[in-house]
């Protein structure tokens, strides 16, 4: 299908964790619709069920790691162009499988570097290493930034009129996992990206020490400043229960994880953290980040140096209290020379650059042999026969925590409407998708809003069902 002389593309956008990633990807989807193209939001947990039911020109992956390699190859075998926009593309460790060298090593060993149509990098640092150590051509490696950081800009983020709170962002999903089948350590997630068992044990030990120290420190700070309100905001992949237990009885401490990090920062006078990427968003939002350096472990510092570097450092409880008391006079701590190589320009235009790359650049597919492991075959068959919504409902009945990875049509529509109004454009259409048999799936379609596009949408839907 064509809009004028421009081929109309349908781009799949994989949503890893909605609390962190949905806003930014909805922003990209609206920007694509403004350029006359469609998007399909694919929940991370059900993308392997949904893929057989949707005709896509390209899929924007949240990463390429051992955990999703079979799906990546299945998409390539279907003739879908492969694009990467990393979920975690800026704050990377010095060594290990998730370091720049480790990511390059896996791309090269898997051969995916030769298959990628585009790699959209947050900043130059990772791009330079990938280009140096893989076969990815330079013209397919673009620095765009990450769209979720656009939303920290003033035009998207109105200041809150509520009383300022002391925001505490935690970052301990390794030892406090929300989705690890009751395990004390999320070893499967770490193993899926290439960490060895002894490395996992060492990381978990360090993370547990820091988590315990942070809880103890916040209890001390809250007792020392009873008139101040503290809001503890756990990482999206963390369980809430340990924090509810730890702060039960503290009238001035609330454990809350609703909305995005930017929304939480809107009512904060400062943000306390250890090794947390949200320090970047705090800087952009004009909220001074305070790093509780005296609670850290050397091994974790090597995995995440930047958050501490761009924050006001506290080497003791006394220094932390002093910084909290002086928060209104502290600078936001922005250090562009330190941030930009890893996180990109941070100019509020990442979504525009991503949409332009996806809409205007060639997206060559890389169809190859699909090994179709038995799990992929079963997933494809189930997705086509039953639909991912029914499958996911059954899985959530067994593991209710899985629901944190889901999102609804109304949540997407609210975001699309808000972004369109800020851009001065018509809001894109947001619609559910179904299998060829008419059964609902988890993916949502975002398409241009004009009458002409709506007619083409209906034709495309029929075409997609005939190819499902």
Protein backbone atom coordinates (compact mmCIF):
# COMPACT_ATOMS: atom_id res chain seq x y z
CA UNK A 1 0.00 0.00 0.00
CA UNK A 2 1.15 3.55 -0.74
CA UNK A 3 0.40 7.04 0.56
CA UNK A 4 1.14 9.28 -2.40
CA UNK A 5 4.62 8.31 -3.58
CA UNK A 6 5.77 7.09 -0.15
CA UNK A 7 5.55 3.35 0.57
CA UNK A 8 3.45 2.82 3.65
CA UNK A 9 5.36 0.82 6.23
CA UNK A 10 4.13 -1.20 9.16
CA UNK A 11 6.69 -1.17 11.97
CA UNK A 12 6.56 -3.48 14.98
CA UNK A 13 7.72 -1.87 18.23
CA UNK A 14 8.58 -4.32 21.03
CA UNK A 15 7.57 -2.95 24.46
CA UNK A 16 9.85 -4.44 27.11
CA UNK A 17 8.41 -2.91 30.29
CA UNK A 18 5.44 -0.54 29.96
CA UNK A 19 6.22 1.55 33.06
CA UNK A 20 9.59 2.40 31.58
CA UNK A 21 9.18 2.05 27.81
CA UNK A 22 5.54 2.54 26.79
CA UNK A 23 5.56 6.35 26.83
CA UNK A 24 8.62 6.62 24.58
CA UNK A 25 7.39 4.03 22.08
CA UNK A 26 3.93 5.64 21.92
CA UNK A 27 5.74 8.88 21.11
CA UNK A 28 7.59 7.12 18.27
CA UNK A 29 4.32 5.57 17.06
CA UNK A 30 2.60 8.95 16.92
CA UNK A 31 5.58 10.45 15.05
CA UNK A 32 5.42 7.59 12.54
CA UNK A 33 1.67 8.15 12.07
CA UNK A 34 2.32 11.83 11.42
CA UNK A 35 4.57 10.69 8.57
CA UNK A 36 1.88 8.35 7.19
CA UNK A 37 3.13 5.04 8.56
CA UNK A 38 1.72 2.38 10.89
CA UNK A 39 3.10 0.88 14.08
CA UNK A 40 2.22 -2.25 15.99
CA UNK A 41 3.00 -2.28 19.72
CA UNK A 42 4.09 -5.81 20.65
CA UNK A 43 4.25 -6.76 24.34
CA UNK A 44 7.59 -8.39 25.11
CA UNK A 45 6.00 -11.49 26.65
CA UNK A 46 3.73 -12.28 23.70
CA UNK A 47 5.71 -11.14 20.65
CA UNK A 48 6.49 -14.76 19.69
CA UNK A 49 2.75 -15.58 19.70
CA UNK A 50 1.77 -12.38 17.87
CA UNK A 51 4.40 -12.38 15.14
CA UNK A 52 2.72 -15.04 12.94
CA UNK A 53 -0.52 -13.02 12.94
CA UNK A 54 0.85 -9.68 11.74
CA UNK A 55 2.42 -8.65 8.46
CA UNK A 56 5.34 -6.38 9.39
CA UNK A 57 7.86 -4.59 7.21
CA UNK A 58 10.26 -4.18 10.13
CA UNK A 59 10.47 -4.99 13.82
CA UNK A 60 12.23 -2.71 16.33
CA UNK A 61 13.75 -5.04 18.92
CA UNK A 62 14.48 -3.98 22.48
CA UNK A 63 17.77 -5.90 22.24
CA UNK A 64 19.42 -8.88 20.56
CA UNK A 65 20.63 -11.31 23.20
CA UNK A 66 20.64 -15.09 23.70
CA UNK A 67 17.16 -14.81 25.27
CA UNK A 68 15.46 -13.66 22.05
CA UNK A 69 17.79 -14.98 19.36
CA UNK A 70 15.32 -17.63 18.13
CA UNK A 71 12.61 -15.01 17.71
CA UNK A 72 14.99 -12.64 15.92
CA UNK A 73 15.90 -15.37 13.45
CA UNK A 74 12.25 -16.30 12.98
CA UNK A 75 11.45 -12.67 12.14
CA UNK A 76 14.33 -12.53 9.66
CA UNK A 77 13.12 -15.74 8.01
CA UNK A 78 9.73 -14.10 7.48
CA UNK A 79 11.39 -11.30 5.53
CA UNK A 80 10.95 -8.75 8.33
CA UNK A 81 13.70 -6.15 8.49
CA UNK A 82 15.53 -6.19 11.84
CA UNK A 83 16.09 -2.95 13.75
CA UNK A 84 17.54 -2.59 17.26
CA UNK A 85 16.75 0.21 19.71
CA UNK A 86 18.21 -0.99 23.00
CA UNK A 87 16.12 -0.91 26.15
CA UNK A 88 19.37 -0.30 28.04
CA UNK A 89 21.67 1.36 25.58
CA UNK A 90 23.51 4.00 27.56
CA UNK A 91 24.43 2.80 31.02
CA UNK A 92 26.65 -0.20 30.30
CA UNK A 93 29.27 -2.00 32.43
CA UNK A 94 32.98 -1.94 31.70
CA UNK A 95 33.12 -5.68 31.07
CA UNK A 96 30.94 -8.77 30.76
CA UNK A 97 28.24 -9.85 28.29
CA UNK A 98 26.25 -6.59 28.57
CA UNK A 99 29.29 -4.34 28.11
CA UNK A 100 29.92 -2.77 24.68
CA UNK A 101 32.55 -5.44 23.98
CA UNK A 102 30.19 -8.20 25.13
CA UNK A 103 27.32 -6.97 22.97
CA UNK A 104 29.64 -6.72 19.95
CA UNK A 105 30.98 -10.20 20.60
CA UNK A 106 27.48 -11.71 20.64
CA UNK A 107 26.33 -9.85 17.52
CA UNK A 108 29.42 -11.06 15.67
CA UNK A 109 29.20 -14.66 16.88
CA UNK A 110 25.47 -14.94 16.07
CA UNK A 111 25.84 -13.29 12.66
CA UNK A 112 23.07 -10.83 13.46
CA UNK A 113 25.44 -7.93 12.77
CA UNK A 114 25.21 -8.84 9.07
CA UNK A 115 21.42 -9.10 9.15
CA UNK A 116 20.49 -5.84 10.87
CA UNK A 117 18.78 -3.26 8.70
CA UNK A 118 19.43 -0.56 11.32
CA UNK A 119 20.91 -0.22 14.78
CA UNK A 120 19.60 2.92 16.51
CA UNK A 121 22.07 3.84 19.23
CA UNK A 122 21.54 6.04 22.25
CA UNK A 123 25.01 7.57 21.95
CA UNK A 124 28.32 7.42 20.12
CA UNK A 125 30.20 5.31 22.67
CA UNK A 126 28.38 2.04 21.96
CA UNK A 127 28.15 2.78 18.23
CA UNK A 128 31.91 3.19 17.94
CA UNK A 129 32.57 -0.13 19.67
CA UNK A 130 29.99 -2.03 17.61
CA UNK A 131 31.36 -0.64 14.35
CA UNK A 132 34.91 -1.47 15.38
CA UNK A 133 34.16 -5.06 16.43
CA UNK A 134 31.38 -6.24 14.09
CA UNK A 135 30.46 -6.30 10.41
CA UNK A 136 27.61 -3.79 10.88
CA UNK A 137 28.00 -1.14 8.13
CA UNK A 138 28.37 2.45 9.32
CA UNK A 139 25.39 3.64 7.23
CA UNK A 140 23.14 1.27 9.19
CA UNK A 141 24.38 2.52 12.58
CA UNK A 142 22.64 5.76 13.61
CA UNK A 143 22.78 7.76 16.82
CA UNK A 144 19.20 8.72 17.68
CA UNK A 145 18.99 8.83 21.46
CA UNK A 146 16.25 7.06 23.39
CA UNK A 147 12.66 8.33 23.15
CA UNK A 148 11.83 7.89 26.82
CA UNK A 149 14.30 10.66 27.66
CA UNK A 150 12.41 13.08 25.38
CA UNK A 151 9.60 13.01 27.91
CA UNK A 152 11.72 14.68 30.58
CA UNK A 153 11.62 17.85 28.51
CA UNK A 154 9.47 20.73 29.71
CA UNK A 155 7.08 20.52 26.74
CA UNK A 156 6.06 17.02 27.77
CA UNK A 157 6.38 17.31 31.51
CA UNK A 158 4.41 20.03 33.30
CA UNK A 159 5.70 20.72 36.83
CA UNK A 160 3.57 19.26 39.60
CA UNK A 161 1.82 21.54 42.03
CA UNK A 162 1.96 18.96 44.82
CA UNK A 163 4.34 19.40 47.79
CA UNK A 164 7.90 18.36 46.96
CA UNK A 165 8.89 14.89 48.12
CA UNK A 166 12.21 13.14 48.52
CA UNK A 167 12.17 10.49 45.80
CA UNK A 168 14.16 7.29 46.42
CA UNK A 169 14.70 5.22 43.28
CA UNK A 170 15.81 1.65 43.90
CA UNK A 171 17.49 -0.64 41.39
CA UNK A 172 17.74 -4.19 42.76
CA UNK A 173 15.75 -6.56 40.50
CA UNK A 174 18.62 -9.08 40.55
CA UNK A 175 17.88 -10.01 44.18
CA UNK A 176 14.32 -8.68 44.43
CA UNK A 177 12.72 -9.89 41.21
CA UNK A 178 9.05 -9.38 40.51
CA UNK A 179 9.03 -12.09 37.85
CA UNK A 180 11.37 -14.91 38.81
CA UNK A 181 9.02 -17.74 39.83
CA UNK A 182 9.57 -17.09 43.51
CA UNK A 183 13.36 -17.35 43.27
CA UNK A 184 15.47 -15.16 45.51
CA UNK A 185 17.78 -14.30 42.58
CA UNK A 186 16.79 -13.57 39.01
CA UNK A 187 19.55 -15.86 37.74
CA UNK A 188 17.62 -16.80 34.60
CA UNK A 189 17.50 -13.20 33.39
CA UNK A 190 21.23 -12.75 34.00
CA UNK A 191 22.06 -16.08 32.39
CA UNK A 192 19.95 -15.17 29.36
CA UNK A 193 22.26 -12.27 28.55
CA UNK A 194 25.42 -14.34 28.97
CA UNK A 195 26.54 -14.14 32.62
CA UNK A 196 28.20 -17.29 33.98
CA UNK A 197 26.96 -18.86 37.27
CA UNK A 198 29.93 -17.62 39.32
CA UNK A 199 29.45 -14.09 37.94
CA UNK A 200 25.75 -14.20 38.82
CA UNK A 201 26.52 -15.23 42.40
CA UNK A 202 29.07 -12.44 42.82
CA UNK A 203 26.74 -9.79 41.36
CA UNK A 204 23.84 -10.97 43.50
CA UNK A 205 25.93 -10.82 46.67
CA UNK A 206 26.97 -7.22 45.97
CA UNK A 207 23.45 -6.15 45.00
CA UNK A 208 21.94 -7.69 48.16
CA UNK A 209 24.42 -5.83 50.34
CA UNK A 210 23.56 -2.51 48.71
CA UNK A 211 19.80 -3.13 48.82
CA UNK A 212 19.95 -3.86 52.55
CA UNK A 213 22.06 -0.75 53.14
CA UNK A 214 19.69 1.47 51.14
CA UNK A 215 16.67 0.29 53.14
CA UNK A 216 18.53 0.89 56.42
CA UNK A 217 19.69 4.34 55.27
CA UNK A 218 16.24 5.48 54.18
CA UNK A 219 14.82 4.38 57.53
CA UNK A 220 17.47 6.50 59.29
CA UNK A 221 16.85 9.49 56.99
CA UNK A 222 13.09 9.28 57.42
CA UNK A 223 13.42 9.20 61.22
CA UNK A 224 15.85 12.14 61.11
CA UNK A 225 13.46 14.24 58.99
CA UNK A 226 9.95 13.30 60.20
CA UNK A 227 8.40 16.39 58.61
CA UNK A 228 9.62 15.45 55.12
CA UNK A 229 7.80 13.02 52.81
CA UNK A 230 9.81 10.19 51.28
CA UNK A 231 8.54 8.22 48.26
CA UNK A 232 10.32 4.93 47.58
CA UNK A 233 9.93 3.98 43.91
CA UNK A 234 11.19 0.45 43.16
CA UNK A 235 12.62 -0.47 39.76
CA UNK A 236 9.96 -1.72 37.31
CA UNK A 237 11.35 -5.27 37.55
CA UNK A 238 11.37 -5.32 41.38
CA UNK A 239 8.86 -6.79 43.81
CA UNK A 240 7.16 -4.26 46.08
CA UNK A 241 6.64 -6.46 49.13
CA UNK A 242 10.13 -6.11 50.73
CA UNK A 243 9.75 -2.33 50.73
CA UNK A 244 6.23 -2.43 52.12
CA UNK A 245 7.54 -4.60 54.98
CA UNK A 246 10.59 -2.41 55.58
CA UNK A 247 8.64 0.84 55.80
CA UNK A 248 5.52 -0.40 57.52
CA UNK A 249 4.85 2.01 60.37
CA UNK A 250 6.76 4.93 58.79
CA UNK A 251 4.12 7.64 58.41
CA UNK A 252 6.38 9.78 56.22
CA UNK A 253 7.45 6.99 53.81
CA UNK A 254 5.28 5.82 50.89
CA UNK A 255 6.17 2.94 48.58
CA UNK A 256 4.71 3.79 45.18
CA UNK A 257 5.38 2.73 41.59
CA UNK A 258 2.72 4.27 39.42
CA UNK A 259 3.36 6.17 36.22
CA UNK A 260 6.72 6.86 34.66
CA UNK A 261 9.94 7.96 36.33
CA UNK A 262 9.48 11.41 34.81
CA UNK A 263 6.04 11.70 36.39
CA UNK A 264 7.49 10.72 39.76
CA UNK A 265 10.24 13.32 39.39
CA UNK A 266 7.68 16.08 38.71
CA UNK A 267 6.82 16.27 42.42
CA UNK A 268 10.34 15.67 43.79
CA UNK A 269 12.72 18.13 45.39
CA UNK A 270 15.60 15.67 44.94
CA UNK A 271 16.20 12.03 44.07
CA UNK A 272 18.24 9.59 46.16
CA UNK A 273 19.75 6.59 44.40
CA UNK A 274 22.62 4.13 44.05
CA UNK A 275 23.64 3.26 40.45
CA UNK A 276 20.30 4.32 38.96
CA UNK A 277 19.88 5.45 35.35
CA UNK A 278 17.02 7.71 36.42
CA UNK A 279 19.73 10.16 37.46
CA UNK A 280 19.78 11.14 33.78
CA UNK A 281 16.06 11.91 33.76
CA UNK A 282 16.45 13.76 37.06
CA UNK A 283 19.08 16.01 35.50
CA UNK A 284 16.83 16.69 32.52
CA UNK A 285 13.87 17.40 34.78
CA UNK A 286 15.80 19.89 36.88
CA UNK A 287 15.75 17.63 39.95
CA UNK A 288 19.12 17.23 41.69
CA UNK A 289 20.16 13.56 41.92
CA UNK A 290 21.94 12.56 45.12
CA UNK A 291 24.06 9.40 44.98
CA UNK A 292 24.40 7.56 48.28
CA UNK A 293 27.96 6.58 47.47
CA UNK A 294 28.76 5.34 50.97
CA UNK A 295 26.34 2.46 50.43
CA UNK A 296 27.85 1.26 47.14
CA UNK A 297 30.03 -1.74 46.29
CA UNK A 298 33.12 -1.44 44.09
CA UNK A 299 31.95 -4.25 41.77
CA UNK A 300 28.70 -2.40 41.08
CA UNK A 301 30.45 0.92 40.54
CA UNK A 302 32.36 -0.71 37.67
CA UNK A 303 29.05 -1.75 36.13
CA UNK A 304 27.50 1.73 36.35
CA UNK A 305 29.90 4.63 36.82
CA UNK A 306 27.91 7.43 35.20
CA UNK A 307 24.96 7.87 37.64
CA UNK A 308 27.31 8.63 40.51
CA UNK A 309 29.46 10.91 38.35
CA UNK A 310 26.56 13.18 37.39
CA UNK A 311 25.04 13.27 40.89
CA UNK A 312 25.80 15.08 44.12
CA UNK A 313 27.73 12.50 46.10
CA UNK A 314 27.02 11.68 49.73
CA UNK A 315 29.74 9.86 51.66
CA UNK A 316 27.76 9.53 54.89
CA UNK A 317 24.28 9.81 56.38
CA UNK A 318 25.20 13.29 57.59
CA UNK A 319 26.15 14.42 54.08
CA UNK A 320 22.96 12.92 52.68
CA UNK A 321 20.87 14.88 55.21
CA UNK A 322 22.76 18.07 54.40
CA UNK A 323 22.15 17.63 50.65
CA UNK A 324 18.46 16.88 51.24
CA UNK A 325 18.13 20.03 53.35
CA UNK A 326 19.82 22.10 50.63
CA UNK A 327 18.05 20.45 47.69
CA UNK A 328 16.33 23.63 46.49
CA UNK A 329 19.71 25.35 46.05
CA UNK A 330 21.49 22.39 44.39
CA UNK A 331 22.07 22.32 40.66
CA UNK A 332 20.45 19.55 38.66
CA UNK A 333 23.95 18.20 38.07
CA UNK A 334 23.80 18.02 34.26
CA UNK A 335 27.20 17.15 32.76
CA UNK A 336 26.64 17.06 29.01
CA UNK A 337 30.23 16.09 28.28
CA UNK A 338 29.76 12.97 30.40
CA UNK A 339 26.18 12.12 29.40
CA UNK A 340 26.09 12.72 25.64
CA UNK A 341 28.52 9.97 24.52
CA UNK A 342 26.34 7.38 26.24
CA UNK A 343 22.80 8.80 26.08
CA UNK A 344 22.88 10.98 22.98
CA UNK A 345 21.94 14.63 22.49
CA UNK A 346 19.07 14.67 25.06
CA UNK A 347 17.45 17.43 23.02
CA UNK A 348 13.92 16.05 23.04
CA UNK A 349 14.13 14.92 19.40
CA UNK A 350 15.04 11.23 19.72
CA UNK A 351 11.55 10.09 18.68
CA UNK A 352 11.73 12.32 15.60
CA UNK A 353 15.10 10.88 14.58
CA UNK A 354 13.86 7.33 15.12
CA UNK A 355 10.69 7.93 13.10
CA UNK A 356 12.68 9.51 10.28
CA UNK A 357 15.08 6.55 10.18
CA UNK A 358 12.24 4.02 10.13
CA UNK A 359 10.19 5.94 7.56
CA UNK A 360 12.79 7.32 5.17
CA UNK A 361 15.75 4.94 5.10
CA UNK A 362 15.99 1.65 3.21
CA UNK A 363 15.08 -1.26 5.47
CA UNK A 364 16.47 -4.33 3.73
CA UNK A 365 15.10 -7.61 4.97
CA UNK A 366 17.50 -10.43 5.65
CA UNK A 367 15.54 -13.58 5.02
CA UNK A 368 17.55 -16.63 5.90
CA UNK A 369 17.09 -20.13 7.16
CA UNK A 370 14.70 -20.35 10.09
CA UNK A 371 15.81 -23.21 12.32
CA UNK A 372 12.32 -23.27 13.89
CA UNK A 373 13.13 -24.88 17.24
CA UNK A 374 10.19 -26.81 18.60
CA UNK A 375 9.26 -24.10 21.08
CA UNK A 376 9.01 -21.55 18.29
CA UNK A 377 6.88 -23.91 16.21
CA UNK A 378 4.51 -24.48 19.12
CA UNK A 379 4.32 -20.75 19.92
CA UNK A 380 3.53 -19.87 16.32
CA UNK A 381 0.85 -22.54 16.12
CA UNK A 382 -0.75 -21.53 19.41
CA UNK A 383 -0.63 -17.85 18.54
CA UNK A 384 -2.40 -18.45 15.24
CA UNK A 385 -4.95 -20.91 16.64
CA UNK A 386 -5.83 -19.41 20.04
CA UNK A 387 -4.54 -15.86 20.00
CA UNK A 388 -2.09 -14.35 22.47
CA UNK A 389 -4.73 -12.68 24.64
CA UNK A 390 -6.25 -16.00 25.70
CA UNK A 391 -2.80 -17.53 26.19
CA UNK A 392 -1.58 -14.62 28.29
CA UNK A 393 -4.76 -14.58 30.40
CA UNK A 394 -4.13 -18.23 31.30
CA UNK A 395 -0.49 -17.54 32.13
CA UNK A 396 -1.43 -14.57 34.34
CA UNK A 397 -3.88 -16.75 36.23
CA UNK A 398 -0.89 -18.89 37.23
CA UNK A 399 1.56 -15.99 37.68
CA UNK A 400 -0.33 -12.73 38.36
CA UNK A 401 2.93 -10.75 38.45
CA UNK A 402 3.16 -11.12 34.67
CA UNK A 403 0.50 -8.42 34.38
CA UNK A 404 3.10 -5.71 35.06
CA UNK A 405 4.40 -6.32 31.52
CA UNK A 406 1.02 -5.67 29.93
CA UNK A 407 -0.66 -2.51 28.66
CA UNK A 408 -4.17 -1.65 27.55
CA UNK A 409 -5.74 0.05 24.58
CA UNK A 410 -6.91 2.95 26.76
CA UNK A 411 -3.41 3.48 28.16
CA UNK A 412 -1.98 3.71 24.64
CA UNK A 413 -4.82 5.88 23.37
CA UNK A 414 -4.40 8.35 26.25
CA UNK A 415 -0.72 8.74 25.45
CA UNK A 416 -1.23 9.07 21.71
CA UNK A 417 -3.93 11.74 22.25
CA UNK A 418 -1.67 13.72 24.59
CA UNK A 419 1.34 13.62 22.28
CA UNK A 420 -0.71 14.51 19.20
CA UNK A 421 -2.16 17.53 20.99
CA UNK A 422 1.31 18.74 21.98
CA UNK A 423 2.52 18.30 18.38
CA UNK A 424 -0.51 20.02 16.85
CA UNK A 425 -1.39 16.92 14.80
CA UNK A 426 -4.36 14.60 14.61
CA UNK A 427 -4.07 11.67 16.97
CA UNK A 428 -3.30 8.32 15.38
CA UNK A 429 -5.92 5.56 15.44
CA UNK A 430 -5.36 2.93 18.13
CA UNK A 431 -7.01 -0.42 17.50
CA UNK A 432 -6.80 -4.01 18.72
CA UNK A 433 -5.63 -6.72 16.36
CA UNK A 434 -6.95 -10.24 15.81
CA UNK A 435 -5.86 -13.50 14.30
CA UNK A 436 -7.13 -14.66 10.91
CA UNK A 437 -9.79 -16.59 12.87
CA UNK A 438 -10.95 -13.41 14.57
CA UNK A 439 -9.44 -14.15 17.99
CA UNK A 440 -7.92 -11.21 19.93
CA UNK A 441 -4.18 -10.78 20.34
CA UNK A 442 -2.18 -8.59 22.69
CA UNK A 443 -0.61 -6.38 20.00
CA UNK A 444 -2.16 -2.98 19.19
CA UNK A 445 -2.11 -1.16 15.86
CA UNK A 446 -1.39 2.59 15.66
CA UNK A 447 -2.24 4.01 12.24
CA UNK A 448 -2.65 7.44 10.59
CA UNK A 449 -6.00 9.06 11.29
CA UNK A 450 -7.11 10.40 7.88
CA UNK A 451 -10.10 8.90 6.07
CA UNK A 452 -7.85 7.76 3.26
CA UNK A 453 -5.59 5.99 5.70
CA UNK A 454 -8.56 4.40 7.44
CA UNK A 455 -9.67 2.91 4.12
CA UNK A 456 -6.17 1.60 3.46
CA UNK A 457 -6.08 0.23 6.97
CA UNK A 458 -9.17 -1.88 6.29
CA UNK A 459 -7.64 -3.22 3.09
CA UNK A 460 -4.37 -3.90 4.84
CA UNK A 461 -6.13 -5.75 7.64
CA UNK A 462 -7.70 -8.09 5.12
CA UNK A 463 -4.34 -8.52 3.44
CA UNK A 464 -2.66 -9.21 6.75
CA UNK A 465 -5.21 -11.84 7.68
CA UNK A 466 -4.75 -13.56 4.35
CA UNK A 467 -1.03 -13.81 5.04
CA UNK A 468 -1.36 -14.79 8.73
